[in-house]
Amino acid sequence: MTPLHNILGQLNDRSEAILREIDENEPSFDAIKSQLGQREELVKKLGILTEANPKDSLSEEERISLRFLFETFVELNDGIQNNLQNILNSHKEKLGTAVNQRKVEKSYRVLKNPDISYF
């Protein structure tokens, strides 16, 4: 295995760790931030190694293996983005509901005839 294989394998490991953390009931944002930082460093190393090891210097088997590792990385990255987007949408929905509830509670206290048009 080349150093490129090693770096891509580490990137995939970090991505899987992020996905596992996101799937927890109470994800640790510090852990996710740490894993993302480590991934960023690995991506920088990958860029340096890619420049130092041209594609032509790799055997066909190594290229196929690298392609598989990279496709796995892309799939994991898409999973991370989708999961984080779902969490964001869920939090936006909860926040919107809380804001509407707050407005209703305020109108009950202020008005004799409460305005329930928020619902």
N, C-alpha and C. Protein backbone atom coordinates (compact mmCIF):
# COMPACT_ATOMS: atom_id res chain seq x y z
N MET A 1 0.83 -1.19 0.00
CA MET A 1 0.00 0.00 0.00
C MET A 1 0.88 1.26 0.00
N THR A 2 0.42 2.23 -0.71
CA THR A 2 1.14 3.50 -0.79
C THR A 2 0.69 4.41 0.35
N PRO A 3 1.46 5.47 0.59
CA PRO A 3 1.02 6.44 1.61
C PRO A 3 -0.35 7.06 1.26
N LEU A 4 -0.67 7.13 -0.03
CA LEU A 4 -1.98 7.64 -0.43
C LEU A 4 -3.09 6.74 0.10
N HIS A 5 -2.88 5.44 0.02
CA HIS A 5 -3.86 4.49 0.55
C HIS A 5 -4.04 4.70 2.05
N ASN A 6 -2.92 4.88 2.73
CA ASN A 6 -2.94 5.06 4.18
C ASN A 6 -3.74 6.31 4.56
N ILE A 7 -3.47 7.41 3.88
CA ILE A 7 -4.16 8.68 4.18
C ILE A 7 -5.65 8.55 3.89
N LEU A 8 -6.01 7.98 2.74
CA LEU A 8 -7.43 7.82 2.41
C LEU A 8 -8.13 6.90 3.41
N GLY A 9 -7.44 5.86 3.84
CA GLY A 9 -8.00 4.98 4.86
C GLY A 9 -8.25 5.72 6.17
N GLN A 10 -7.30 6.57 6.55
CA GLN A 10 -7.47 7.37 7.77
C GLN A 10 -8.62 8.36 7.62
N LEU A 11 -8.73 8.96 6.43
CA LEU A 11 -9.85 9.89 6.17
C LEU A 11 -11.18 9.17 6.33
N ASN A 12 -11.27 7.97 5.80
CA ASN A 12 -12.50 7.20 5.90
C ASN A 12 -12.79 6.83 7.36
N ASP A 13 -11.75 6.49 8.11
CA ASP A 13 -11.93 6.19 9.53
C ASP A 13 -12.48 7.40 10.28
N ARG A 14 -11.92 8.58 10.01
CA ARG A 14 -12.40 9.81 10.67
C ARG A 14 -13.84 10.10 10.28
N SER A 15 -14.16 9.90 9.00
CA SER A 15 -15.52 10.15 8.53
C SER A 15 -16.51 9.21 9.18
N GLU A 16 -16.14 7.94 9.33
CA GLU A 16 -17.02 6.98 10.00
C GLU A 16 -17.22 7.36 11.46
N ALA A 17 -16.16 7.85 12.11
CA ALA A 17 -16.26 8.28 13.51
C ALA A 17 -17.23 9.46 13.63
N ILE A 18 -17.17 10.37 12.67
CA ILE A 18 -18.08 11.52 12.68
C ILE A 18 -19.52 11.05 12.51
N LEU A 19 -19.75 10.15 11.57
CA LEU A 19 -21.10 9.62 11.36
C LEU A 19 -21.63 8.92 12.61
N ARG A 20 -20.77 8.14 13.27
CA ARG A 20 -21.20 7.47 14.50
C ARG A 20 -21.57 8.49 15.58
N GLU A 21 -20.77 9.54 15.68
CA GLU A 21 -21.04 10.57 16.70
C GLU A 21 -22.33 11.31 16.39
N ILE A 22 -22.57 11.61 15.13
CA ILE A 22 -23.80 12.31 14.73
C ILE A 22 -25.02 11.45 15.06
N ASP A 23 -24.89 10.14 14.93
CA ASP A 23 -26.02 9.24 15.17
C ASP A 23 -26.32 9.02 16.66
N GLU A 24 -25.44 9.50 17.54
CA GLU A 24 -25.68 9.37 18.98
C GLU A 24 -26.90 10.20 19.38
N ASN A 25 -27.53 9.82 20.50
CA ASN A 25 -28.67 10.59 21.01
C ASN A 25 -28.25 12.01 21.36
N GLU A 26 -27.11 12.14 21.99
CA GLU A 26 -26.56 13.45 22.36
C GLU A 26 -25.16 13.57 21.76
N PRO A 27 -25.06 13.96 20.49
CA PRO A 27 -23.74 14.02 19.87
C PRO A 27 -22.85 15.08 20.53
N SER A 28 -21.59 14.77 20.64
CA SER A 28 -20.61 15.70 21.19
C SER A 28 -20.06 16.56 20.05
N PHE A 29 -20.39 17.84 20.10
CA PHE A 29 -19.94 18.72 19.03
C PHE A 29 -18.43 18.95 19.12
N ASP A 30 -17.87 18.84 20.33
CA ASP A 30 -16.42 18.94 20.47
C ASP A 30 -15.73 17.77 19.78
N ALA A 31 -16.30 16.57 19.94
CA ALA A 31 -15.72 15.39 19.29
C ALA A 31 -15.82 15.52 17.77
N ILE A 32 -16.96 16.00 17.29
CA ILE A 32 -17.14 16.18 15.85
C ILE A 32 -16.15 17.22 15.33
N LYS A 33 -16.01 18.31 16.07
CA LYS A 33 -15.08 19.37 15.67
C LYS A 33 -13.65 18.84 15.62
N SER A 34 -13.29 18.04 16.60
CA SER A 34 -11.95 17.45 16.64
C SER A 34 -11.71 16.54 15.44
N GLN A 35 -12.68 15.68 15.15
CA GLN A 35 -12.56 14.77 14.01
C GLN A 35 -12.48 15.54 12.69
N LEU A 36 -13.26 16.62 12.58
CA LEU A 36 -13.21 17.43 11.35
C LEU A 36 -11.84 18.09 11.21
N GLY A 37 -11.26 18.55 12.32
CA GLY A 37 -9.92 19.13 12.29
C GLY A 37 -8.88 18.12 11.84
N GLN A 38 -9.00 16.90 12.36
CA GLN A 38 -8.07 15.84 11.95
C GLN A 38 -8.25 15.51 10.47
N ARG A 39 -9.50 15.51 10.02
CA ARG A 39 -9.76 15.25 8.60
C ARG A 39 -9.12 16.33 7.73
N GLU A 40 -9.23 17.58 8.18
CA GLU A 40 -8.65 18.68 7.41
C GLU A 40 -7.14 18.50 7.26
N GLU A 41 -6.47 18.11 8.34
CA GLU A 41 -5.03 17.88 8.28
C GLU A 41 -4.70 16.74 7.31
N LEU A 42 -5.50 15.69 7.34
CA LEU A 42 -5.28 14.56 6.43
C LEU A 42 -5.48 14.97 4.97
N VAL A 43 -6.46 15.83 4.72
CA VAL A 43 -6.71 16.31 3.35
C VAL A 43 -5.51 17.11 2.86
N LYS A 44 -4.92 17.92 3.75
CA LYS A 44 -3.73 18.69 3.37
C LYS A 44 -2.58 17.74 3.03
N LYS A 45 -2.39 16.71 3.86
CA LYS A 45 -1.33 15.72 3.59
C LYS A 45 -1.61 15.01 2.27
N LEU A 46 -2.86 14.71 2.02
CA LEU A 46 -3.24 14.03 0.78
C LEU A 46 -2.87 14.88 -0.43
N GLY A 47 -3.11 16.18 -0.33
CA GLY A 47 -2.75 17.09 -1.43
C GLY A 47 -1.26 17.08 -1.70
N ILE A 48 -0.47 17.09 -0.64
CA ILE A 48 0.99 17.07 -0.79
C ILE A 48 1.44 15.75 -1.42
N LEU A 49 0.88 14.65 -0.92
CA LEU A 49 1.25 13.33 -1.46
C LEU A 49 0.82 13.16 -2.91
N THR A 50 -0.33 13.72 -3.25
CA THR A 50 -0.83 13.61 -4.62
C THR A 50 0.12 14.32 -5.59
N GLU A 51 0.62 15.47 -5.18
CA GLU A 51 1.56 16.20 -6.03
C GLU A 51 2.88 15.43 -6.17
N ALA A 52 3.30 14.77 -5.09
CA ALA A 52 4.58 14.05 -5.10
C ALA A 52 4.49 12.70 -5.81
N ASN A 53 3.29 12.14 -5.91
CA ASN A 53 3.11 10.83 -6.54
C ASN A 53 2.16 10.94 -7.72
N PRO A 54 2.70 11.21 -8.91
CA PRO A 54 1.82 11.33 -10.07
C PRO A 54 1.07 10.03 -10.35
N LYS A 55 -0.07 10.18 -10.96
CA LYS A 55 -0.93 9.04 -11.27
C LYS A 55 -0.20 7.97 -12.09
N ASP A 56 0.67 8.41 -12.97
CA ASP A 56 1.39 7.48 -13.84
C ASP A 56 2.34 6.56 -13.06
N SER A 57 2.74 6.97 -11.87
CA SER A 57 3.69 6.16 -11.09
C SER A 57 2.99 5.02 -10.35
N LEU A 58 1.66 4.98 -10.39
CA LEU A 58 0.91 3.95 -9.68
C LEU A 58 0.54 2.81 -10.62
N SER A 59 0.50 1.62 -10.07
CA SER A 59 0.06 0.47 -10.88
C SER A 59 -1.46 0.52 -11.05
N GLU A 60 -1.95 -0.26 -11.98
CA GLU A 60 -3.40 -0.30 -12.23
C GLU A 60 -4.14 -0.75 -10.98
N GLU A 61 -3.59 -1.73 -10.29
CA GLU A 61 -4.21 -2.24 -9.06
C GLU A 61 -4.27 -1.16 -7.98
N GLU A 62 -3.20 -0.39 -7.86
CA GLU A 62 -3.18 0.70 -6.87
C GLU A 62 -4.20 1.78 -7.22
N ARG A 63 -4.32 2.08 -8.50
CA ARG A 63 -5.31 3.10 -8.92
C ARG A 63 -6.73 2.64 -8.64
N ILE A 64 -7.01 1.36 -8.90
CA ILE A 64 -8.36 0.83 -8.62
C ILE A 64 -8.64 0.89 -7.13
N SER A 65 -7.66 0.51 -6.34
CA SER A 65 -7.81 0.54 -4.89
C SER A 65 -8.02 1.96 -4.38
N LEU A 66 -7.26 2.91 -4.91
CA LEU A 66 -7.42 4.32 -4.53
C LEU A 66 -8.79 4.85 -4.94
N ARG A 67 -9.25 4.46 -6.12
CA ARG A 67 -10.56 4.89 -6.60
C ARG A 67 -11.65 4.40 -5.63
N PHE A 68 -11.54 3.14 -5.22
CA PHE A 68 -12.50 2.58 -4.27
C PHE A 68 -12.48 3.35 -2.95
N LEU A 69 -11.28 3.61 -2.42
CA LEU A 69 -11.16 4.35 -1.16
C LEU A 69 -11.74 5.75 -1.29
N PHE A 70 -11.48 6.40 -2.43
CA PHE A 70 -11.99 7.75 -2.63
C PHE A 70 -13.51 7.76 -2.77
N GLU A 71 -14.05 6.78 -3.49
CA GLU A 71 -15.52 6.70 -3.62
C GLU A 71 -16.16 6.45 -2.25
N THR A 72 -15.51 5.65 -1.42
CA THR A 72 -16.00 5.43 -0.06
C THR A 72 -15.98 6.73 0.71
N PHE A 73 -14.90 7.51 0.57
CA PHE A 73 -14.79 8.81 1.23
C PHE A 73 -15.92 9.73 0.80
N VAL A 74 -16.20 9.77 -0.50
CA VAL A 74 -17.27 10.63 -1.02
C VAL A 74 -18.62 10.21 -0.44
N GLU A 75 -18.89 8.91 -0.39
CA GLU A 75 -20.15 8.42 0.17
C GLU A 75 -20.28 8.79 1.65
N LEU A 76 -19.20 8.61 2.40
CA LEU A 76 -19.22 8.96 3.82
C LEU A 76 -19.43 10.46 4.00
N ASN A 77 -18.77 11.25 3.17
CA ASN A 77 -18.91 12.70 3.25
C ASN A 77 -20.34 13.13 2.93
N ASP A 78 -20.95 12.51 1.92
CA ASP A 78 -22.35 12.81 1.60
C ASP A 78 -23.25 12.44 2.77
N GLY A 79 -22.96 11.31 3.41
CA GLY A 79 -23.74 10.91 4.58
C GLY A 79 -23.63 11.91 5.72
N ILE A 80 -22.42 12.41 5.94
CA ILE A 80 -22.21 13.42 6.99
C ILE A 80 -23.02 14.67 6.66
N GLN A 81 -22.93 15.15 5.43
CA GLN A 81 -23.65 16.36 5.04
C GLN A 81 -25.16 16.16 5.16
N ASN A 82 -25.66 15.02 4.73
CA ASN A 82 -27.10 14.76 4.81
C ASN A 82 -27.57 14.69 6.26
N ASN A 83 -26.82 13.99 7.10
CA ASN A 83 -27.21 13.88 8.51
C ASN A 83 -27.18 15.24 9.21
N LEU A 84 -26.15 16.03 8.93
CA LEU A 84 -26.08 17.36 9.55
C LEU A 84 -27.20 18.26 9.04
N GLN A 85 -27.55 18.15 7.76
CA GLN A 85 -28.66 18.94 7.22
C GLN A 85 -29.97 18.54 7.88
N ASN A 86 -30.17 17.24 8.10
CA ASN A 86 -31.38 16.77 8.78
C ASN A 86 -31.45 17.31 10.20
N ILE A 87 -30.33 17.31 10.90
CA ILE A 87 -30.29 17.84 12.26
C ILE A 87 -30.60 19.33 12.24
N LEU A 88 -30.01 20.06 11.30
CA LEU A 88 -30.27 21.49 11.19
C LEU A 88 -31.74 21.77 10.92
N ASN A 89 -32.34 21.03 10.00
CA ASN A 89 -33.76 21.21 9.70
C ASN A 89 -34.62 20.91 10.91
N SER A 90 -34.28 19.88 11.65
CA SER A 90 -35.02 19.52 12.86
C SER A 90 -34.93 20.64 13.89
N HIS A 91 -33.74 21.19 14.07
CA HIS A 91 -33.57 22.28 15.04
C HIS A 91 -34.31 23.54 14.60
N LYS A 92 -34.31 23.81 13.30
CA LYS A 92 -35.05 24.97 12.79
C LYS A 92 -36.54 24.81 13.07
N GLU A 93 -37.04 23.60 12.85
CA GLU A 93 -38.46 23.33 13.09
C GLU A 93 -38.80 23.50 14.57
N LYS A 94 -37.96 22.96 15.44
CA LYS A 94 -38.19 23.10 16.89
C LYS A 94 -38.13 24.56 17.31
N LEU A 95 -37.20 25.31 16.75
CA LEU A 95 -37.07 26.73 17.08
C LEU A 95 -38.30 27.50 16.60
N GLY A 96 -38.77 27.20 15.40
CA GLY A 96 -39.96 27.86 14.88
C GLY A 96 -41.17 27.58 15.74
N THR A 97 -41.32 26.34 16.18
CA THR A 97 -42.43 25.98 17.06
C THR A 97 -42.32 26.71 18.38
N ALA A 98 -41.11 26.80 18.93
CA ALA A 98 -40.91 27.49 20.20
C ALA A 98 -41.22 28.98 20.07
N VAL A 99 -40.83 29.58 18.96
CA VAL A 99 -41.10 31.01 18.75
C VAL A 99 -42.61 31.24 18.67
N ASN A 100 -43.30 30.40 17.91
CA ASN A 100 -44.76 30.54 17.81
C ASN A 100 -45.43 30.34 19.16
N GLN A 101 -44.99 29.36 19.92
CA GLN A 101 -45.55 29.12 21.25
C GLN A 101 -45.33 30.32 22.15
N ARG A 102 -44.17 30.91 22.06
CA ARG A 102 -43.86 32.09 22.88
C ARG A 102 -44.78 33.26 22.50
N LYS A 103 -45.01 33.45 21.21
CA LYS A 103 -45.90 34.52 20.77
C LYS A 103 -47.32 34.30 21.28
N VAL A 104 -47.78 33.06 21.22
CA VAL A 104 -49.13 32.74 21.70
C VAL A 104 -49.23 33.00 23.19
N GLU A 105 -48.24 32.55 23.95
CA GLU A 105 -48.26 32.76 25.40
C GLU A 105 -48.26 34.25 25.73
N LYS A 106 -47.49 35.02 24.98
CA LYS A 106 -47.44 36.46 25.21
C LYS A 106 -48.79 37.09 24.90
N SER A 107 -49.43 36.67 23.82
CA SER A 107 -50.72 37.27 23.45
C SER A 107 -51.79 36.89 24.46
N TYR A 108 -51.72 35.72 25.07
CA TYR A 108 -52.68 35.33 26.11
C TYR A 108 -52.55 36.25 27.32
N ARG A 109 -51.36 36.64 27.64
CA ARG A 109 -51.14 37.50 28.80
C ARG A 109 -51.53 38.94 28.51
N VAL A 110 -51.39 39.37 27.27
CA VAL A 110 -51.60 40.77 26.92
C VAL A 110 -53.05 41.06 26.52
N LEU A 111 -53.67 40.17 25.79
CA LEU A 111 -54.99 40.43 25.22
C LEU A 111 -56.09 39.67 25.96
N LYS A 112 -57.27 40.29 25.96
CA LYS A 112 -58.42 39.57 26.48
C LYS A 112 -58.81 38.47 25.50
N ASN A 113 -58.79 38.81 24.22
CA ASN A 113 -59.09 37.83 23.17
C ASN A 113 -57.76 37.48 22.48
N PRO A 114 -57.20 36.35 22.83
CA PRO A 114 -55.88 36.01 22.28
C PRO A 114 -55.91 35.79 20.77
N ASP A 115 -54.82 36.16 20.15
CA ASP A 115 -54.64 35.97 18.72
C ASP A 115 -53.95 34.62 18.51
N ILE A 116 -54.68 33.67 17.98
CA ILE A 116 -54.10 32.34 17.76
C ILE A 116 -53.79 32.11 16.28
N SER A 117 -53.64 33.20 15.55
CA SER A 117 -53.36 33.08 14.12
C SER A 117 -51.95 32.55 13.85
N TYR A 118 -51.13 32.48 14.87
CA TYR A 118 -49.79 31.94 14.68
C TYR A 118 -49.83 30.46 14.34
N PHE A 119 -50.93 29.80 14.71
CA PHE A 119 -51.08 28.38 14.43
C PHE A 119 -51.94 28.24 13.21
